[in-house]
């Protein structure tokens, strides 16, 4: 029987990793379709029909026919449909949403873009690169302050989709040139995420070619 979900993306993409990690931790089988962005596959008419933004990831739900984009929205959808990492109650779910939006606003760019610069995916002037690095450092410091005395981002007894979403950014901090040793609460929290059953790292989870479930 074919898997319900097909994840379209590329192994080097942080947002694609987030969705793959959510599916893996939730124990949901999925097929994977490699999108060769180097050859412009993400801008092809066929792919644009799946993801109107011409970005990765795209999650295809074969059961409903739904095609979804924007990784954070996908994670919340998967939390709702799988019943995993959804939060214990409405207050926890709201807190999780707030942290996802905070990360998208205050942390993601400051880690993903320095990583892109270091890997040569992104070319910017030195002052712009310094700005992104400063933004990432400030975001990690703010996250570290929040996590003091807390186990999980939303404050509950277990992780939520927010922990998976934000880890999908923090997991690339080393590649972006940041030392998590400078933010010990973040480092300890990341270790808790990495200890979850089924966890796979940013370097191990996604293949470099398409695969069946």
N, C-alpha and C. Protein backbone atom coordinates (compact mmCIF):
# COMPACT_ATOMS: atom_id res chain seq x y z
N UNK A 1 0.85 -1.20 0.00
CA UNK A 1 0.00 0.00 0.00
C UNK A 1 0.88 1.24 0.00
N UNK A 2 0.58 2.19 -0.89
CA UNK A 2 1.38 3.41 -0.99
C UNK A 2 1.21 4.26 0.27
N UNK A 3 2.28 4.92 0.65
CA UNK A 3 2.23 5.81 1.80
C UNK A 3 1.27 6.96 1.54
N UNK A 4 0.63 7.44 2.58
CA UNK A 4 -0.31 8.54 2.43
C UNK A 4 0.38 9.81 1.96
N UNK A 5 1.60 10.05 2.45
CA UNK A 5 2.26 11.32 2.19
C UNK A 5 3.45 11.17 1.24
N UNK A 6 3.64 12.19 0.42
CA UNK A 6 4.84 12.33 -0.39
C UNK A 6 5.46 13.68 -0.06
N UNK A 7 6.71 13.66 0.36
CA UNK A 7 7.43 14.89 0.66
C UNK A 7 8.30 15.23 -0.54
N UNK A 8 8.07 16.40 -1.13
CA UNK A 8 8.88 16.89 -2.24
C UNK A 8 9.86 17.92 -1.68
N UNK A 9 11.15 17.73 -1.93
CA UNK A 9 12.12 18.67 -1.39
C UNK A 9 13.52 18.35 -1.83
N UNK A 10 14.47 18.91 -1.12
CA UNK A 10 15.89 18.66 -1.40
C UNK A 10 16.63 18.53 -0.08
N UNK A 11 17.62 17.64 -0.05
CA UNK A 11 18.29 17.28 1.20
C UNK A 11 18.95 18.45 1.90
N UNK A 12 19.34 19.48 1.17
CA UNK A 12 20.05 20.61 1.77
C UNK A 12 19.11 21.66 2.36
N UNK A 13 17.82 21.46 2.25
CA UNK A 13 16.82 22.45 2.66
C UNK A 13 16.40 22.26 4.11
N UNK A 14 16.61 23.29 4.92
CA UNK A 14 16.15 23.25 6.30
C UNK A 14 14.65 23.06 6.43
N UNK A 15 13.84 23.81 5.68
CA UNK A 15 12.40 23.61 5.77
C UNK A 15 11.95 22.20 5.37
N UNK A 16 12.62 21.61 4.36
CA UNK A 16 12.29 20.24 4.00
C UNK A 16 12.65 19.29 5.14
N UNK A 17 13.79 19.55 5.77
CA UNK A 17 14.20 18.73 6.92
C UNK A 17 13.17 18.79 8.04
N UNK A 18 12.64 19.98 8.33
CA UNK A 18 11.62 20.11 9.37
C UNK A 18 10.46 19.15 9.14
N UNK A 19 9.95 19.12 7.91
CA UNK A 19 8.80 18.28 7.62
C UNK A 19 9.19 16.80 7.69
N UNK A 20 10.35 16.46 7.15
CA UNK A 20 10.81 15.08 7.24
C UNK A 20 10.99 14.64 8.68
N UNK A 21 11.50 15.54 9.52
CA UNK A 21 11.70 15.21 10.92
C UNK A 21 10.37 15.01 11.64
N UNK A 22 9.41 15.88 11.35
CA UNK A 22 8.08 15.75 11.96
C UNK A 22 7.46 14.40 11.59
N UNK A 23 7.49 14.05 10.32
CA UNK A 23 6.94 12.78 9.88
C UNK A 23 7.65 11.60 10.54
N UNK A 24 8.97 11.68 10.62
CA UNK A 24 9.76 10.59 11.19
C UNK A 24 9.48 10.43 12.68
N UNK A 25 9.49 11.54 13.42
CA UNK A 25 9.25 11.46 14.85
C UNK A 25 7.82 11.01 15.17
N UNK A 26 6.88 11.37 14.31
CA UNK A 26 5.49 10.96 14.51
C UNK A 26 5.24 9.53 14.06
N UNK A 27 6.25 8.91 13.46
CA UNK A 27 6.10 7.53 13.00
C UNK A 27 5.20 7.39 11.79
N UNK A 28 5.19 8.42 10.94
CA UNK A 28 4.33 8.43 9.76
C UNK A 28 5.17 8.12 8.52
N UNK A 29 4.94 7.01 7.85
CA UNK A 29 5.72 6.68 6.64
C UNK A 29 5.46 7.72 5.54
N UNK A 30 6.48 7.98 4.75
CA UNK A 30 6.30 8.91 3.64
C UNK A 30 7.25 8.57 2.51
N UNK A 31 6.79 8.81 1.30
CA UNK A 31 7.67 8.72 0.13
C UNK A 31 8.37 10.07 -0.03
N UNK A 32 9.49 10.05 -0.70
CA UNK A 32 10.28 11.28 -0.86
C UNK A 32 10.60 11.49 -2.34
N UNK A 33 10.32 12.70 -2.82
CA UNK A 33 10.62 13.05 -4.20
C UNK A 33 11.65 14.17 -4.20
N UNK A 34 12.83 13.87 -4.73
CA UNK A 34 13.92 14.85 -4.81
C UNK A 34 13.58 15.91 -5.85
N UNK A 35 13.68 17.17 -5.47
CA UNK A 35 13.45 18.29 -6.38
C UNK A 35 14.81 18.89 -6.71
N UNK A 36 15.26 18.71 -7.93
CA UNK A 36 16.60 19.15 -8.32
C UNK A 36 16.58 20.66 -8.59
N UNK A 37 16.80 21.42 -7.54
CA UNK A 37 16.75 22.88 -7.67
C UNK A 37 17.90 23.42 -8.49
N UNK A 38 19.02 22.70 -8.53
CA UNK A 38 20.16 23.13 -9.33
C UNK A 38 19.81 23.15 -10.82
N UNK A 39 18.86 22.32 -11.20
CA UNK A 39 18.42 22.27 -12.59
C UNK A 39 17.10 23.00 -12.80
N UNK A 40 16.65 23.73 -11.77
CA UNK A 40 15.45 24.54 -11.90
C UNK A 40 14.14 23.78 -11.80
N UNK A 41 14.19 22.56 -11.24
CA UNK A 41 12.96 21.76 -11.17
C UNK A 41 11.87 22.42 -10.34
N UNK A 42 12.27 23.25 -9.38
CA UNK A 42 11.28 23.91 -8.52
C UNK A 42 10.51 25.02 -9.24
N UNK A 43 10.99 25.40 -10.42
CA UNK A 43 10.29 26.42 -11.21
C UNK A 43 9.57 25.84 -12.42
N UNK A 44 9.57 24.53 -12.53
CA UNK A 44 8.90 23.90 -13.67
C UNK A 44 7.38 24.00 -13.50
N UNK A 45 6.63 24.01 -14.59
CA UNK A 45 5.16 24.08 -14.48
C UNK A 45 4.58 22.97 -13.61
N UNK A 46 5.12 21.77 -13.73
CA UNK A 46 4.60 20.66 -12.94
C UNK A 46 4.77 20.90 -11.45
N UNK A 47 5.92 21.44 -11.08
CA UNK A 47 6.15 21.67 -9.65
C UNK A 47 5.37 22.89 -9.16
N UNK A 48 5.31 23.92 -9.96
CA UNK A 48 4.53 25.12 -9.58
C UNK A 48 3.07 24.73 -9.32
N UNK A 49 2.58 23.74 -10.04
CA UNK A 49 1.22 23.27 -9.82
C UNK A 49 1.07 22.64 -8.43
N UNK A 50 2.18 22.17 -7.88
CA UNK A 50 2.16 21.59 -6.52
C UNK A 50 2.43 22.65 -5.46
N UNK A 51 3.40 23.51 -5.70
CA UNK A 51 3.77 24.56 -4.75
C UNK A 51 3.80 25.89 -5.49
N UNK A 52 2.79 26.70 -5.26
CA UNK A 52 2.62 27.94 -6.04
C UNK A 52 3.76 28.92 -5.85
N UNK A 53 4.57 28.74 -4.79
CA UNK A 53 5.68 29.65 -4.55
C UNK A 53 6.96 29.21 -5.26
N UNK A 54 6.95 28.01 -5.81
CA UNK A 54 8.16 27.51 -6.46
C UNK A 54 9.28 27.29 -5.46
N UNK A 55 8.91 26.82 -4.27
CA UNK A 55 9.87 26.57 -3.20
C UNK A 55 9.73 25.12 -2.72
N UNK A 56 10.66 24.71 -1.88
CA UNK A 56 10.52 23.44 -1.17
C UNK A 56 10.38 23.76 0.31
N UNK A 57 9.63 22.92 1.02
CA UNK A 57 9.06 21.65 0.59
C UNK A 57 7.63 21.80 0.08
N UNK A 58 7.14 20.69 -0.45
CA UNK A 58 5.71 20.51 -0.71
C UNK A 58 5.35 19.16 -0.12
N UNK A 59 4.26 19.10 0.62
CA UNK A 59 3.78 17.83 1.14
C UNK A 59 2.48 17.48 0.44
N UNK A 60 2.48 16.33 -0.16
CA UNK A 60 1.32 15.82 -0.89
C UNK A 60 0.60 14.80 -0.02
N UNK A 61 -0.67 15.02 0.22
CA UNK A 61 -1.50 14.09 0.97
C UNK A 61 -2.33 13.29 -0.03
N UNK A 62 -1.94 12.07 -0.28
CA UNK A 62 -2.62 11.26 -1.29
C UNK A 62 -4.05 10.90 -0.88
N UNK A 63 -4.30 10.91 0.42
CA UNK A 63 -5.63 10.54 0.91
C UNK A 63 -6.66 11.62 0.60
N UNK A 64 -6.25 12.88 0.73
CA UNK A 64 -7.18 13.99 0.52
C UNK A 64 -6.95 14.72 -0.79
N UNK A 65 -5.79 14.47 -1.43
CA UNK A 65 -5.44 15.20 -2.64
C UNK A 65 -4.88 16.57 -2.36
N UNK A 66 -4.67 16.89 -1.09
CA UNK A 66 -4.18 18.22 -0.72
C UNK A 66 -2.69 18.34 -0.99
N UNK A 67 -2.29 19.51 -1.50
CA UNK A 67 -0.88 19.84 -1.73
C UNK A 67 -0.55 21.03 -0.84
N UNK A 68 0.40 20.85 0.05
CA UNK A 68 0.67 21.86 1.07
C UNK A 68 2.07 22.42 0.95
N UNK A 69 2.21 23.71 1.23
CA UNK A 69 3.51 24.36 1.25
C UNK A 69 3.65 25.17 2.54
N UNK A 70 4.85 25.71 2.75
CA UNK A 70 5.22 26.43 3.96
C UNK A 70 5.37 25.44 5.12
N UNK A 71 6.62 25.16 5.47
CA UNK A 71 6.93 24.08 6.39
C UNK A 71 6.24 24.21 7.75
N UNK A 72 6.16 25.42 8.30
CA UNK A 72 5.56 25.58 9.62
C UNK A 72 4.07 25.24 9.59
N UNK A 73 3.39 25.63 8.53
CA UNK A 73 1.97 25.29 8.40
C UNK A 73 1.80 23.78 8.23
N UNK A 74 2.72 23.15 7.51
CA UNK A 74 2.66 21.71 7.32
C UNK A 74 2.84 20.99 8.66
N UNK A 75 3.77 21.45 9.48
CA UNK A 75 3.99 20.80 10.77
C UNK A 75 2.74 20.85 11.64
N UNK A 76 2.07 21.98 11.67
CA UNK A 76 0.86 22.06 12.49
C UNK A 76 -0.22 21.14 11.92
N UNK A 77 -0.33 21.07 10.61
CA UNK A 77 -1.30 20.16 9.98
C UNK A 77 -1.00 18.72 10.38
N UNK A 78 0.27 18.33 10.34
CA UNK A 78 0.65 16.96 10.70
C UNK A 78 0.39 16.69 12.18
N UNK A 79 0.60 17.69 13.02
CA UNK A 79 0.30 17.52 14.45
C UNK A 79 -1.19 17.24 14.64
N UNK A 80 -2.00 17.97 13.91
CA UNK A 80 -3.45 17.80 14.02
C UNK A 80 -3.91 16.44 13.47
N UNK A 81 -3.39 16.06 12.32
CA UNK A 81 -3.87 14.83 11.67
C UNK A 81 -3.29 13.57 12.31
N UNK A 82 -2.07 13.66 12.86
CA UNK A 82 -1.44 12.48 13.46
C UNK A 82 -1.75 12.35 14.95
N UNK A 83 -2.13 13.49 15.56
CA UNK A 83 -2.33 13.49 17.01
C UNK A 83 -1.03 13.48 17.78
N UNK A 84 0.08 13.72 17.11
CA UNK A 84 1.40 13.73 17.75
C UNK A 84 1.95 15.15 17.80
N UNK A 85 2.52 15.52 18.92
CA UNK A 85 3.19 16.82 19.08
C UNK A 85 2.23 18.00 18.91
N UNK A 86 0.95 17.78 19.20
CA UNK A 86 -0.06 18.83 18.99
C UNK A 86 -0.24 19.72 20.21
N UNK A 87 0.33 19.36 21.35
CA UNK A 87 0.11 20.11 22.57
C UNK A 87 -1.01 19.50 23.38
N UNK A 88 -0.93 19.64 24.68
CA UNK A 88 -1.90 18.99 25.56
C UNK A 88 -3.25 19.69 25.59
N UNK A 89 -3.27 20.98 25.31
CA UNK A 89 -4.52 21.74 25.36
C UNK A 89 -4.39 22.97 24.48
N UNK A 90 -5.46 23.77 24.45
CA UNK A 90 -5.49 24.94 23.56
C UNK A 90 -4.40 25.95 23.92
N UNK A 91 -4.15 26.12 25.21
CA UNK A 91 -3.13 27.08 25.63
C UNK A 91 -1.74 26.66 25.16
N UNK A 92 -1.48 25.37 25.24
CA UNK A 92 -0.16 24.88 24.79
C UNK A 92 -0.03 25.00 23.28
N UNK A 93 -1.10 24.72 22.57
CA UNK A 93 -1.06 24.86 21.11
C UNK A 93 -0.83 26.31 20.71
N UNK A 94 -1.47 27.22 21.43
CA UNK A 94 -1.26 28.64 21.14
C UNK A 94 0.18 29.05 21.41
N UNK A 95 0.74 28.58 22.51
CA UNK A 95 2.14 28.89 22.83
C UNK A 95 3.06 28.33 21.75
N UNK A 96 2.74 27.13 21.26
CA UNK A 96 3.55 26.53 20.20
C UNK A 96 3.50 27.38 18.94
N UNK A 97 2.31 27.83 18.57
CA UNK A 97 2.19 28.68 17.39
C UNK A 97 3.00 29.96 17.55
N UNK A 98 2.95 30.55 18.73
CA UNK A 98 3.69 31.79 18.96
C UNK A 98 5.18 31.58 18.77
N UNK A 99 5.71 30.45 19.24
CA UNK A 99 7.14 30.21 19.09
C UNK A 99 7.53 29.93 17.64
N UNK A 100 6.64 29.28 16.92
CA UNK A 100 6.92 29.06 15.49
C UNK A 100 7.00 30.40 14.77
N UNK A 101 6.06 31.28 15.03
CA UNK A 101 6.08 32.60 14.37
C UNK A 101 7.26 33.44 14.84
N UNK A 102 7.58 33.34 16.12
CA UNK A 102 8.77 34.06 16.62
C UNK A 102 10.02 33.60 15.88
N UNK A 103 10.17 32.29 15.75
CA UNK A 103 11.35 31.76 15.09
C UNK A 103 11.44 32.23 13.65
N UNK A 104 10.31 32.19 12.94
CA UNK A 104 10.31 32.65 11.55
C UNK A 104 10.70 34.11 11.43
N UNK A 105 10.37 34.89 12.45
CA UNK A 105 10.65 36.33 12.43
C UNK A 105 12.03 36.68 12.96
N UNK A 106 12.48 35.97 14.00
CA UNK A 106 13.66 36.42 14.74
C UNK A 106 14.87 35.50 14.69
N UNK A 107 14.69 34.27 14.23
CA UNK A 107 15.80 33.32 14.29
C UNK A 107 16.18 32.73 12.95
N UNK A 108 15.18 32.36 12.17
CA UNK A 108 15.42 31.57 10.96
C UNK A 108 16.41 32.24 10.01
N UNK A 109 16.17 33.48 9.68
CA UNK A 109 17.04 34.17 8.72
C UNK A 109 18.47 34.27 9.25
N UNK A 110 18.60 34.48 10.56
CA UNK A 110 19.93 34.65 11.15
C UNK A 110 20.75 33.38 11.24
N UNK A 111 20.13 32.23 10.97
CA UNK A 111 20.88 30.98 10.92
C UNK A 111 20.95 30.44 9.49
N UNK A 112 19.81 30.40 8.82
CA UNK A 112 19.82 29.87 7.45
C UNK A 112 20.68 30.70 6.50
N UNK A 113 20.65 32.02 6.63
CA UNK A 113 21.40 32.83 5.66
C UNK A 113 22.91 32.78 5.91
N UNK A 114 23.41 32.87 7.14
CA UNK A 114 24.85 32.66 7.33
C UNK A 114 25.30 31.28 6.85
N UNK A 115 24.46 30.27 7.04
CA UNK A 115 24.79 28.94 6.52
C UNK A 115 24.89 28.99 5.01
N UNK A 116 23.92 29.63 4.35
CA UNK A 116 23.96 29.74 2.90
C UNK A 116 25.19 30.47 2.40
N UNK A 117 25.59 31.50 3.14
CA UNK A 117 26.79 32.27 2.77
C UNK A 117 28.03 31.40 2.90
N UNK A 118 28.14 30.66 4.00
CA UNK A 118 29.31 29.80 4.22
C UNK A 118 29.40 28.69 3.19
N UNK A 119 28.25 28.18 2.74
CA UNK A 119 28.24 27.10 1.76
C UNK A 119 28.30 27.60 0.33
N UNK A 120 28.25 28.92 0.15
CA UNK A 120 28.34 29.48 -1.19
C UNK A 120 27.03 29.54 -1.94
N UNK A 121 25.90 29.25 -1.25
CA UNK A 121 24.60 29.33 -1.91
C UNK A 121 24.13 30.78 -2.06
N UNK A 122 24.65 31.63 -1.19
CA UNK A 122 24.18 33.01 -1.13
C UNK A 122 25.38 33.95 -1.16
N UNK A 123 25.34 34.94 -2.03
CA UNK A 123 26.42 35.91 -2.16
C UNK A 123 25.90 37.27 -1.72
N UNK A 124 26.50 37.83 -0.67
CA UNK A 124 26.08 39.14 -0.17
C UNK A 124 27.32 39.93 0.25
N UNK A 125 27.23 41.27 0.35
CA UNK A 125 28.36 42.06 0.86
C UNK A 125 28.67 41.70 2.31
N UNK A 126 29.87 41.99 2.74
CA UNK A 126 30.32 41.61 4.08
C UNK A 126 29.45 42.22 5.17
N UNK A 127 29.02 43.47 4.98
CA UNK A 127 28.21 44.10 6.03
C UNK A 127 26.84 43.43 6.15
N UNK A 128 26.31 42.95 5.04
CA UNK A 128 25.04 42.24 5.08
C UNK A 128 25.22 40.88 5.78
N UNK A 129 26.30 40.20 5.47
CA UNK A 129 26.60 38.93 6.14
C UNK A 129 26.74 39.13 7.65
N UNK A 130 27.40 40.20 8.03
CA UNK A 130 27.57 40.50 9.46
C UNK A 130 26.23 40.77 10.13
N UNK A 131 25.35 41.43 9.40
CA UNK A 131 24.01 41.71 9.94
C UNK A 131 23.26 40.41 10.20
N UNK A 132 23.29 39.48 9.26
CA UNK A 132 22.60 38.21 9.45
C UNK A 132 23.19 37.44 10.63
N UNK A 133 24.52 37.47 10.75
CA UNK A 133 25.16 36.76 11.86
C UNK A 133 24.75 37.36 13.20
N UNK A 134 24.70 38.68 13.26
CA UNK A 134 24.27 39.35 14.49
C UNK A 134 22.82 39.00 14.81
N UNK A 135 22.01 38.90 13.79
CA UNK A 135 20.60 38.55 13.98
C UNK A 135 20.48 37.13 14.54
N UNK A 136 21.28 36.22 14.02
CA UNK A 136 21.26 34.85 14.51
C UNK A 136 21.72 34.76 15.95
N UNK A 137 22.76 35.50 16.27
CA UNK A 137 23.28 35.48 17.64
C UNK A 137 22.26 36.03 18.62
N UNK A 138 21.59 37.11 18.23
CA UNK A 138 20.56 37.70 19.08
C UNK A 138 19.38 36.74 19.26
N UNK A 139 18.98 36.07 18.19
CA UNK A 139 17.88 35.13 18.28
C UNK A 139 18.20 33.96 19.19
N UNK A 140 19.40 33.42 19.07
CA UNK A 140 19.81 32.31 19.94
C UNK A 140 19.86 32.75 21.40
N UNK A 141 20.32 33.98 21.64
CA UNK A 141 20.38 34.49 23.02
C UNK A 141 18.98 34.62 23.61
N UNK A 142 18.04 35.09 22.80
CA UNK A 142 16.66 35.22 23.28
C UNK A 142 16.04 33.86 23.55
N UNK A 143 16.30 32.91 22.66
CA UNK A 143 15.80 31.55 22.86
C UNK A 143 16.41 30.93 24.12
N UNK A 144 17.68 31.17 24.33
CA UNK A 144 18.37 30.65 25.51
C UNK A 144 17.74 31.20 26.80
N UNK A 145 17.41 32.46 26.78
CA UNK A 145 16.78 33.09 27.95
C UNK A 145 15.43 32.46 28.24
N UNK A 146 14.64 32.22 27.21
CA UNK A 146 13.32 31.62 27.40
C UNK A 146 13.42 30.21 27.96
N UNK A 147 14.41 29.44 27.49
CA UNK A 147 14.50 28.03 27.85
C UNK A 147 15.08 27.81 29.25
N UNK A 148 15.54 28.84 29.91
CA UNK A 148 16.05 28.69 31.28
C UNK A 148 14.95 28.13 32.17
N UNK A 149 15.18 26.98 32.75
CA UNK A 149 14.20 26.37 33.64
C UNK A 149 13.06 25.66 32.94
N UNK A 150 13.11 25.57 31.61
CA UNK A 150 12.03 24.91 30.86
C UNK A 150 12.59 23.71 30.10
N UNK A 151 11.73 22.72 29.95
CA UNK A 151 12.13 21.53 29.19
C UNK A 151 11.80 21.68 27.72
N UNK A 152 10.58 22.19 27.44
CA UNK A 152 10.11 22.32 26.06
C UNK A 152 9.59 23.73 25.81
N UNK A 153 9.55 24.14 24.57
CA UNK A 153 9.24 25.53 24.23
C UNK A 153 7.88 26.00 24.72
N UNK A 154 6.85 25.16 24.54
CA UNK A 154 5.50 25.58 24.90
C UNK A 154 5.22 25.44 26.40
N UNK A 155 6.19 24.94 27.15
CA UNK A 155 6.07 24.88 28.60
C UNK A 155 5.38 23.66 29.15
N UNK A 156 4.98 22.72 28.29
CA UNK A 156 4.28 21.54 28.76
C UNK A 156 5.22 20.40 29.13
N UNK A 157 4.61 19.25 29.39
CA UNK A 157 5.40 18.09 29.81
C UNK A 157 6.10 17.40 28.65
N UNK A 158 5.64 17.66 27.44
CA UNK A 158 6.23 17.02 26.27
C UNK A 158 6.47 17.99 25.14
N UNK A 159 7.20 17.57 24.12
CA UNK A 159 7.48 18.45 22.99
C UNK A 159 6.25 18.66 22.12
N UNK A 160 6.23 19.77 21.42
CA UNK A 160 5.17 20.08 20.45
C UNK A 160 5.80 20.31 19.08
N UNK A 161 4.92 20.57 18.12
CA UNK A 161 5.40 20.89 16.77
C UNK A 161 6.33 22.10 16.77
N UNK A 162 6.23 22.96 17.78
CA UNK A 162 7.13 24.11 17.86
C UNK A 162 8.57 23.67 18.12
N UNK A 163 8.75 22.67 18.98
CA UNK A 163 10.10 22.18 19.24
C UNK A 163 10.72 21.60 17.98
N UNK A 164 9.93 20.89 17.20
CA UNK A 164 10.44 20.31 15.96
C UNK A 164 10.74 21.41 14.95
N UNK A 165 9.84 22.37 14.85
CA UNK A 165 10.02 23.47 13.90
C UNK A 165 11.28 24.28 14.23
N UNK A 166 11.41 24.68 15.47
CA UNK A 166 12.55 25.52 15.85
C UNK A 166 13.85 24.71 15.83
N UNK A 167 13.77 23.41 16.17
CA UNK A 167 14.98 22.59 16.05
C UNK A 167 15.42 22.53 14.58
N UNK A 168 14.47 22.57 13.66
CA UNK A 168 14.81 22.55 12.24
C UNK A 168 15.57 23.78 11.79
N UNK A 169 15.68 24.76 12.66
CA UNK A 169 16.55 25.92 12.44
C UNK A 169 17.83 25.77 13.25
N UNK A 170 17.67 25.52 14.54
CA UNK A 170 18.83 25.42 15.45
C UNK A 170 19.76 24.28 15.05
N UNK A 171 19.20 23.24 14.45
CA UNK A 171 20.03 22.11 14.04
C UNK A 171 21.09 22.48 13.01
N UNK A 172 20.93 23.62 12.37
CA UNK A 172 21.91 24.09 11.38
C UNK A 172 22.85 25.16 11.95
N UNK A 173 22.75 25.44 13.23
CA UNK A 173 23.55 26.52 13.82
C UNK A 173 25.05 26.29 13.64
N UNK A 174 25.49 25.06 13.84
CA UNK A 174 26.90 24.77 13.66
C UNK A 174 27.38 25.02 12.25
N UNK A 175 26.57 24.63 11.27
CA UNK A 175 26.92 24.87 9.87
C UNK A 175 26.95 26.36 9.55
N UNK A 176 26.20 27.14 10.33
CA UNK A 176 26.17 28.60 10.11
C UNK A 176 27.29 29.32 10.86
N UNK A 177 28.07 28.58 11.65
CA UNK A 177 29.19 29.18 12.35
C UNK A 177 28.92 29.56 13.80
N UNK A 178 27.79 29.11 14.36
CA UNK A 178 27.46 29.43 15.74
C UNK A 178 27.86 28.28 16.67
N UNK A 179 28.27 28.64 17.88
CA UNK A 179 28.66 27.66 18.89
C UNK A 179 27.55 27.57 19.93
N UNK A 180 26.83 26.45 19.97
CA UNK A 180 25.74 26.31 20.94
C UNK A 180 26.26 26.24 22.37
N UNK A 181 27.57 26.06 22.54
CA UNK A 181 28.14 26.11 23.88
C UNK A 181 27.96 27.48 24.52
N UNK A 182 27.74 28.50 23.70
CA UNK A 182 27.53 29.85 24.23
C UNK A 182 26.08 30.07 24.69
N UNK A 183 25.21 29.14 24.34
CA UNK A 183 23.79 29.22 24.75
C UNK A 183 23.42 27.86 25.36
N UNK A 184 23.83 27.62 26.60
CA UNK A 184 23.71 26.28 27.19
C UNK A 184 22.28 25.76 27.32
N UNK A 185 21.32 26.66 27.51
CA UNK A 185 19.93 26.19 27.60
C UNK A 185 19.43 25.69 26.25
N UNK A 186 19.85 26.38 25.20
CA UNK A 186 19.50 25.93 23.84
C UNK A 186 20.18 24.60 23.55
N UNK A 187 21.43 24.48 23.93
CA UNK A 187 22.17 23.25 23.68
C UNK A 187 21.52 22.07 24.40
N UNK A 188 21.09 22.27 25.64
CA UNK A 188 20.46 21.19 26.41
C UNK A 188 19.10 20.83 25.80
N UNK A 189 18.35 21.84 25.39
CA UNK A 189 17.05 21.59 24.74
C UNK A 189 17.24 20.83 23.44
N UNK A 190 18.22 21.23 22.63
CA UNK A 190 18.48 20.54 21.36
C UNK A 190 18.83 19.07 21.62
N UNK A 191 19.58 18.82 22.68
CA UNK A 191 19.93 17.44 23.03
C UNK A 191 18.68 16.64 23.40
N UNK A 192 17.70 17.28 24.02
CA UNK A 192 16.45 16.59 24.35
C UNK A 192 15.69 16.24 23.07
N UNK A 193 15.65 17.15 22.11
CA UNK A 193 15.02 16.84 20.83
C UNK A 193 15.73 15.67 20.16
N UNK A 194 17.05 15.71 20.18
CA UNK A 194 17.85 14.67 19.53
C UNK A 194 17.71 13.32 20.21
N UNK A 195 17.24 13.31 21.45
CA UNK A 195 17.04 12.05 22.18
C UNK A 195 15.65 11.46 21.94
N UNK A 196 14.78 12.15 21.21
CA UNK A 196 13.45 11.62 20.94
C UNK A 196 13.55 10.36 20.06
N UNK A 197 12.70 9.36 20.32
CA UNK A 197 12.75 8.12 19.52
C UNK A 197 12.54 8.40 18.04
N UNK A 198 13.43 7.87 17.22
CA UNK A 198 13.32 8.03 15.78
C UNK A 198 14.04 9.24 15.22
N UNK A 199 14.63 10.06 16.09
CA UNK A 199 15.31 11.26 15.61
C UNK A 199 16.40 10.91 14.60
N UNK A 200 16.52 11.77 13.57
CA UNK A 200 17.63 11.69 12.63
C UNK A 200 18.14 13.10 12.38
N UNK A 201 19.44 13.22 12.24
CA UNK A 201 20.09 14.52 12.13
C UNK A 201 19.87 15.17 10.78
N UNK A 202 20.28 16.45 10.71
CA UNK A 202 20.15 17.21 9.45
C UNK A 202 20.96 16.58 8.33
N UNK A 203 22.00 15.85 8.66
CA UNK A 203 22.86 15.24 7.65
C UNK A 203 22.42 13.84 7.25
N UNK A 204 21.53 13.24 8.06
CA UNK A 204 21.21 11.83 7.83
C UNK A 204 19.79 11.57 7.36
N UNK A 205 18.85 12.48 7.62
CA UNK A 205 17.44 12.15 7.41
C UNK A 205 17.03 12.10 5.95
N UNK A 206 17.41 13.11 5.18
CA UNK A 206 16.92 13.21 3.80
C UNK A 206 17.91 12.62 2.81
N UNK A 207 17.41 11.80 1.88
CA UNK A 207 18.30 11.23 0.86
C UNK A 207 18.60 12.26 -0.23
N UNK A 208 19.54 11.93 -1.06
CA UNK A 208 19.91 12.80 -2.18
C UNK A 208 19.23 12.37 -3.48
N UNK A 209 18.29 11.47 -3.36
CA UNK A 209 17.52 11.04 -4.52
C UNK A 209 16.14 10.60 -4.04
N UNK A 210 15.22 10.42 -4.95
CA UNK A 210 13.87 10.02 -4.58
C UNK A 210 13.88 8.61 -3.98
N UNK A 211 12.89 8.36 -3.11
CA UNK A 211 12.78 7.02 -2.53
C UNK A 211 11.31 6.75 -2.18
N UNK A 212 10.95 5.48 -2.20
CA UNK A 212 9.62 5.09 -1.77
C UNK A 212 9.57 5.08 -0.25
N UNK A 213 8.38 4.99 0.30
CA UNK A 213 8.22 4.96 1.76
C UNK A 213 8.89 3.72 2.35
